[in-house]
Amino acid sequence: MFIEKIISGGEIGVGQAALTAAFSNGLKTGGVIRKGFKIPEWLSFAEEYNLIEGESEDINESIWKNVSMSEGTLRISHWFDEEKENSRLEAIKHYNKPYMDTLIFAVNKKEYLVGRQPDEVISWVIQNKIKILNIDGNSEEIAPGMQDTIFVFLDRIFKFNKNNVSENGEVKTTGGIRNP
């Protein structure tokens, strides 16, 4: 296994899909959530996925901390030109971290397609020697219903990582993984 830990801000959408897919594949999870975000419904989720509360209610603080704690960021978005994604990109450039953008496309109001293949992400992670990966992007508020699609996409990546990639990044199989 090459990827060891997934970091995310844990918002409903990409963040929760990343943390739940990682956890279900035996990866460590964590991240910083904005202060005041630990509402009662969130307490068990935050504890289960090792999320810590930030010092500020400004989401930009948690975005910047999550980028700084990682070795690279996978941004998954239906719409990259929004405040949180602009802040994330600014943090990535500030900390000089590698990143990969993955666009998701709406098929209809609740169905999405991912614009990259899982093996592209695995290759990028190995090439950049990323063991601690920050994954975040849009919330369900921006792209309702996309969390399930993102979970399946990331689950395929993490399963491949767990079963076919050694700790030094050597791929143990010649077959790649593709979206259905």
C-alpha atoms as a PDB file:
ATOM      1  CA  MET A   1       0.000   0.000   0.000  1.00  0.00           C
ATOM      2  CA  PHE A   2       1.402   3.385  -1.016  1.00  0.00           C
ATOM      3  CA  ILE A   3      -1.263   5.859   0.166  1.00  0.00           C
ATOM      4  CA  GLU A   4      -1.343   5.678   3.960  1.00  0.00           C
ATOM      5  CA  LYS A   5      -3.629   8.499   5.043  1.00  0.00           C
ATOM      6  CA  ILE A   6      -6.446  10.616   3.645  1.00  0.00           C
ATOM      7  CA  ILE A   7      -7.006  14.141   4.918  1.00  0.00           C
ATOM      8  CA  SER A   8     -10.202  16.066   4.287  1.00  0.00           C
ATOM      9  CA  GLY A   9     -12.376  18.797   5.746  1.00  0.00           C
ATOM     10  CA  GLY A  10     -15.244  16.301   5.927  1.00  0.00           C
ATOM     11  CA  GLU A  11     -18.038  18.325   4.364  1.00  0.00           C
ATOM     12  CA  ILE A  12     -20.984  16.393   2.965  1.00  0.00           C
ATOM     13  CA  GLY A  13     -19.956  15.650  -0.609  1.00  0.00           C
ATOM     14  CA  VAL A  14     -16.374  15.018  -1.692  1.00  0.00           C
ATOM     15  CA  GLY A  15     -14.991  15.312   1.853  1.00  0.00           C
ATOM     16  CA  GLN A  16     -17.212  12.651   3.396  1.00  0.00           C
ATOM     17  CA  ALA A  17     -16.884  10.381   0.361  1.00  0.00           C
ATOM     18  CA  ALA A  18     -13.083  10.557   0.688  1.00  0.00           C
ATOM     19  CA  LEU A  19     -13.033   9.802   4.407  1.00  0.00           C
ATOM     20  CA  THR A  20     -15.566   6.955   4.312  1.00  0.00           C
ATOM     21  CA  ALA A  21     -13.949   5.293   1.274  1.00  0.00           C
ATOM     22  CA  ALA A  22     -10.502   5.572   2.884  1.00  0.00           C
ATOM     23  CA  PHE A  23     -11.675   4.222   6.231  1.00  0.00           C
ATOM     24  CA  SER A  24     -13.476   1.277   4.606  1.00  0.00           C
ATOM     25  CA  ASN A  25     -10.178   0.338   2.922  1.00  0.00           C
ATOM     26  CA  GLY A  26      -8.091   0.457   6.093  1.00  0.00           C
ATOM     27  CA  LEU A  27      -6.445   3.826   5.504  1.00  0.00           C
ATOM     28  CA  LYS A  28      -5.827   6.340   8.276  1.00  0.00           C
ATOM     29  CA  THR A  29      -8.048   9.404   8.125  1.00  0.00           C
ATOM     30  CA  GLY A  30      -7.956  12.885   9.577  1.00  0.00           C
ATOM     31  CA  GLY A  31      -8.248  16.546   8.874  1.00  0.00           C
ATOM     32  CA  VAL A  32      -9.272  19.905  10.252  1.00  0.00           C
ATOM     33  CA  ILE A  33     -12.873  21.100  10.238  1.00  0.00           C
ATOM     34  CA  ARG A  34     -13.850  24.688  10.864  1.00  0.00           C
ATOM     35  CA  LYS A  35     -14.655  25.780  14.417  1.00  0.00           C
ATOM     36  CA  GLY A  36     -18.301  25.358  15.305  1.00  0.00           C
ATOM     37  CA  PHE A  37     -18.810  22.699  12.653  1.00  0.00           C
ATOM     38  CA  LYS A  38     -18.941  19.938  15.276  1.00  0.00           C
ATOM     39  CA  ILE A  39     -22.712  20.069  15.674  1.00  0.00           C
ATOM     40  CA  PRO A  40     -24.271  17.121  17.554  1.00  0.00           C
ATOM     41  CA  GLU A  41     -24.921  15.114  14.373  1.00  0.00           C
ATOM     42  CA  TRP A  42     -21.261  15.572  13.436  1.00  0.00           C
ATOM     43  CA  LEU A  43     -19.631  14.563  16.710  1.00  0.00           C
ATOM     44  CA  SER A  44     -19.557  10.817  16.024  1.00  0.00           C
ATOM     45  CA  PHE A  45     -18.470  11.374  12.394  1.00  0.00           C
ATOM     46  CA  ALA A  46     -15.666  13.716  13.462  1.00  0.00           C
ATOM     47  CA  GLU A  47     -14.472  11.279  16.127  1.00  0.00           C
ATOM     48  CA  GLU A  48     -14.649   8.208  13.874  1.00  0.00           C
ATOM     49  CA  TYR A  49     -12.604   9.864  11.132  1.00  0.00           C
ATOM     50  CA  ASN A  50     -10.143  11.720  13.418  1.00  0.00           C
ATOM     51  CA  LEU A  51     -11.254  15.210  12.451  1.00  0.00           C
ATOM     52  CA  ILE A  52     -10.136  18.020  14.717  1.00  0.00           C
ATOM     53  CA  GLU A  53     -11.797  21.370  15.142  1.00  0.00           C
ATOM     54  CA  GLY A  54      -9.904  24.372  13.830  1.00  0.00           C
ATOM     55  CA  GLU A  55      -9.365  27.642  15.637  1.00  0.00           C
ATOM     56  CA  SER A  56     -11.554  29.722  13.325  1.00  0.00           C
ATOM     57  CA  GLU A  57     -15.082  29.595  11.923  1.00  0.00           C
ATOM     58  CA  ASP A  58     -13.579  30.657   8.588  1.00  0.00           C
ATOM     59  CA  ILE A  59     -13.441  27.555   6.374  1.00  0.00           C
ATOM     60  CA  ASN A  60     -10.295  28.890   4.707  1.00  0.00           C
ATOM     61  CA  GLU A  61      -8.295  28.084   7.863  1.00  0.00           C
ATOM     62  CA  SER A  62      -9.224  24.393   7.661  1.00  0.00           C
ATOM     63  CA  ILE A  63      -8.604  24.331   3.900  1.00  0.00           C
ATOM     64  CA  TRP A  64      -5.092  25.740   4.371  1.00  0.00           C
ATOM     65  CA  LYS A  65      -4.276  23.437   7.305  1.00  0.00           C
ATOM     66  CA  ASN A  66      -5.433  20.341   5.408  1.00  0.00           C
ATOM     67  CA  VAL A  67      -3.304  21.293   2.402  1.00  0.00           C
ATOM     68  CA  SER A  68      -0.276  21.958   4.624  1.00  0.00           C
ATOM     69  CA  MET A  69      -0.602  18.584   6.450  1.00  0.00           C
ATOM     70  CA  SER A  70      -0.680  16.619   3.203  1.00  0.00           C
ATOM     71  CA  GLU A  71       1.897  15.750   0.556  1.00  0.00           C
ATOM     72  CA  GLY A  72      -0.494  16.499  -2.292  1.00  0.00           C
ATOM     73  CA  THR A  73      -4.135  17.340  -3.007  1.00  0.00           C
ATOM     74  CA  LEU A  74      -6.743  15.719  -5.231  1.00  0.00           C
ATOM     75  CA  ARG A  75      -9.443  18.295  -5.978  1.00  0.00           C
ATOM     76  CA  ILE A  76     -12.717  16.808  -7.189  1.00  0.00           C
ATOM     77  CA  SER A  77     -15.230  19.349  -8.354  1.00  0.00           C
ATOM     78  CA  HIS A  78     -18.260  20.024 -10.477  1.00  0.00           C
ATOM     79  CA  TRP A  79     -17.349  23.699 -10.329  1.00  0.00           C
ATOM     80  CA  PHE A  80     -13.778  24.839  -9.613  1.00  0.00           C
ATOM     81  CA  ASP A  81     -14.466  28.573  -9.831  1.00  0.00           C
ATOM     82  CA  GLU A  82     -15.945  29.018  -6.368  1.00  0.00           C
ATOM     83  CA  GLU A  83     -14.538  30.544  -3.186  1.00  0.00           C
ATOM     84  CA  LYS A  84     -13.473  27.340  -1.406  1.00  0.00           C
ATOM     85  CA  GLU A  85     -11.771  25.895  -4.475  1.00  0.00           C
ATOM     86  CA  ASN A  86      -9.987  29.181  -5.159  1.00  0.00           C
ATOM     87  CA  SER A  87      -8.731  29.202  -1.550  1.00  0.00           C
ATOM     88  CA  ARG A  88      -7.614  25.565  -1.828  1.00  0.00           C
ATOM     89  CA  LEU A  89      -5.668  26.305  -5.023  1.00  0.00           C
ATOM     90  CA  GLU A  90      -4.055  29.353  -3.399  1.00  0.00           C
ATOM     91  CA  ALA A  91      -2.949  27.176  -0.437  1.00  0.00           C
ATOM     92  CA  ILE A  92      -1.608  24.483  -2.769  1.00  0.00           C
ATOM     93  CA  LYS A  93       0.494  27.043  -4.619  1.00  0.00           C
ATOM     94  CA  HIS A  94       1.613  28.720  -1.384  1.00  0.00           C
ATOM     95  CA  TYR A  95       2.875  25.424   0.071  1.00  0.00           C
ATOM     96  CA  ASN A  96       4.182  24.273  -3.334  1.00  0.00           C
ATOM     97  CA  LYS A  97       2.310  20.946  -3.165  1.00  0.00           C
ATOM     98  CA  PRO A  98       1.439  18.764  -6.143  1.00  0.00           C
ATOM     99  CA  TYR A  99      -2.241  18.619  -7.050  1.00  0.00           C
ATOM    100  CA  MET A 100      -4.563  16.991  -9.520  1.00  0.00           C
ATOM    101  CA  ASP A 101      -7.936  18.366 -10.583  1.00  0.00           C
ATOM    102  CA  THR A 102     -10.742  15.976 -11.389  1.00  0.00           C
ATOM    103  CA  LEU A 103     -13.905  17.381 -12.905  1.00  0.00           C
ATOM    104  CA  ILE A 104     -17.255  15.710 -12.348  1.00  0.00           C
ATOM    105  CA  PHE A 105     -20.036  16.072 -14.895  1.00  0.00           C
ATOM    106  CA  ALA A 106     -23.758  16.112 -14.202  1.00  0.00           C
ATOM    107  CA  VAL A 107     -25.680  13.549 -16.256  1.00  0.00           C
ATOM    108  CA  ASN A 108     -28.917  14.687 -14.650  1.00  0.00           C
ATOM    109  CA  LYS A 109     -29.929  16.282 -11.336  1.00  0.00           C
ATOM    110  CA  LYS A 110     -28.548  13.439  -9.179  1.00  0.00           C
ATOM    111  CA  GLU A 111     -26.229  11.426 -11.429  1.00  0.00           C
ATOM    112  CA  TYR A 112     -22.598  12.259 -12.166  1.00  0.00           C
ATOM    113  CA  LEU A 113     -19.634  11.009 -14.182  1.00  0.00           C
ATOM    114  CA  VAL A 114     -16.024  11.422 -13.075  1.00  0.00           C
ATOM    115  CA  GLY A 115     -13.711  13.006 -15.644  1.00  0.00           C
ATOM    116  CA  ARG A 116     -10.636  10.901 -14.790  1.00  0.00           C
ATOM    117  CA  GLN A 117      -9.865   7.224 -14.611  1.00  0.00           C
ATOM    118  CA  PRO A 118      -8.777   5.750 -11.256  1.00  0.00           C
ATOM    119  CA  ASP A 119      -5.446   4.577 -12.712  1.00  0.00           C
ATOM    120  CA  GLU A 120      -4.600   8.189 -13.658  1.00  0.00           C
ATOM    121  CA  VAL A 121      -4.911   9.159 -10.000  1.00  0.00           C
ATOM    122  CA  ILE A 122      -2.831   6.166  -8.818  1.00  0.00           C
ATOM    123  CA  SER A 123      -0.086   7.015 -11.347  1.00  0.00           C
ATOM    124  CA  TRP A 124      -0.048  10.652 -10.234  1.00  0.00           C
ATOM    125  CA  VAL A 125       0.122   9.662  -6.540  1.00  0.00           C
ATOM    126  CA  ILE A 126       3.021   7.252  -7.174  1.00  0.00           C
ATOM    127  CA  GLN A 127       4.885   9.705  -9.412  1.00  0.00           C
ATOM    128  CA  ASN A 128       4.662  12.378  -6.700  1.00  0.00           C
ATOM    129  CA  LYS A 129       5.407   9.930  -3.838  1.00  0.00           C
ATOM    130  CA  ILE A 130       2.254  10.952  -1.962  1.00  0.00           C
ATOM    131  CA  LYS A 131       1.532   8.898   1.143  1.00  0.00           C
ATOM    132  CA  ILE A 132      -0.646  11.524   2.862  1.00  0.00           C
ATOM    133  CA  LEU A 133      -3.265  12.724   0.392  1.00  0.00           C
ATOM    134  CA  ASN A 134      -5.681  15.605   0.888  1.00  0.00           C
ATOM    135  CA  ILE A 135      -8.934  15.006  -0.989  1.00  0.00           C
ATOM    136  CA  ASP A 136     -11.612  17.650  -1.091  1.00  0.00           C
ATOM    137  CA  GLY A 137     -13.897  19.546  -3.384  1.00  0.00           C
ATOM    138  CA  ASN A 138     -17.481  20.618  -3.725  1.00  0.00           C
ATOM    139  CA  SER A 139     -20.127  20.017  -1.114  1.00  0.00           C
ATOM    140  CA  GLU A 140     -23.473  18.430  -1.894  1.00  0.00           C
ATOM    141  CA  GLU A 141     -24.853  21.974  -1.827  1.00  0.00           C
ATOM    142  CA  ILE A 142     -23.046  22.706  -5.122  1.00  0.00           C
ATOM    143  CA  ALA A 143     -23.552  19.274  -6.725  1.00  0.00           C
ATOM    144  CA  PRO A 144     -26.456  17.437  -5.030  1.00  0.00           C
ATOM    145  CA  GLY A 145     -26.172  13.649  -5.139  1.00  0.00           C
ATOM    146  CA  MET A 146     -22.530  13.433  -6.208  1.00  0.00           C
ATOM    147  CA  GLN A 147     -21.218  11.933  -2.952  1.00  0.00           C
ATOM    148  CA  ASP A 148     -22.159   8.367  -3.962  1.00  0.00           C
ATOM    149  CA  THR A 149     -20.393   8.654  -7.335  1.00  0.00           C
ATOM    150  CA  ILE A 150     -17.260  10.053  -5.686  1.00  0.00           C
ATOM    151  CA  PHE A 151     -17.297   7.298  -3.052  1.00  0.00           C
ATOM    152  CA  VAL A 152     -17.336   4.582  -5.756  1.00  0.00           C
ATOM    153  CA  PHE A 153     -14.535   6.330  -7.692  1.00  0.00           C
ATOM    154  CA  LEU A 154     -12.314   6.699  -4.611  1.00  0.00           C
ATOM    155  CA  ASP A 155     -13.149   3.225  -3.294  1.00  0.00           C
ATOM    156  CA  ARG A 156     -11.783   1.737  -6.530  1.00  0.00           C
ATOM    157  CA  ILE A 157      -8.566   3.755  -6.125  1.00  0.00           C
ATOM    158  CA  PHE A 158      -8.107   2.761  -2.479  1.00  0.00           C
ATOM    159  CA  LYS A 159      -8.839  -0.928  -3.152  1.00  0.00           C
ATOM    160  CA  PHE A 160      -6.252  -0.932  -5.947  1.00  0.00           C
ATOM    161  CA  ASN A 161      -3.796   0.891  -3.664  1.00  0.00           C
ATOM    162  CA  LYS A 162      -4.360  -1.666  -0.898  1.00  0.00           C
ATOM    163  CA  ASN A 163      -4.120  -4.774  -3.075  1.00  0.00           C
ATOM    164  CA  ASN A 164      -1.708  -3.857  -5.878  1.00  0.00           C
ATOM    165  CA  VAL A 165       0.736  -1.134  -4.830  1.00  0.00           C
ATOM    166  CA  SER A 166       3.749  -1.793  -2.604  1.00  0.00           C
ATOM    167  CA  GLU A 167       4.965   0.635   0.055  1.00  0.00           C
ATOM    168  CA  ASN A 168       7.673   1.915  -2.309  1.00  0.00           C
ATOM    169  CA  GLY A 169       5.122   2.613  -5.075  1.00  0.00           C
ATOM    170  CA  GLU A 170       5.736  -0.481  -7.173  1.00  0.00           C
ATOM    171  CA  VAL A 171       2.579  -1.684  -8.918  1.00  0.00           C
ATOM    172  CA  LYS A 172       2.156  -5.453  -8.485  1.00  0.00           C
ATOM    173  CA  THR A 173      -0.201  -5.982 -11.425  1.00  0.00           C
ATOM    174  CA  THR A 174      -0.100  -5.007 -15.073  1.00  0.00           C
ATOM    175  CA  GLY A 175      -3.875  -4.392 -15.344  1.00  0.00           C
ATOM    176  CA  GLY A 176      -5.126  -0.912 -14.663  1.00  0.00           C
ATOM    177  CA  ILE A 177      -8.445   0.160 -13.239  1.00  0.00           C
ATOM    178  CA  ARG A 178     -10.977   2.076 -15.264  1.00  0.00           C
ATOM    179  CA  ASN A 179     -14.349   3.641 -14.571  1.00  0.00           C
ATOM    180  CA  PRO A 180     -17.214   1.445 -15.716  1.00  0.00           C
END
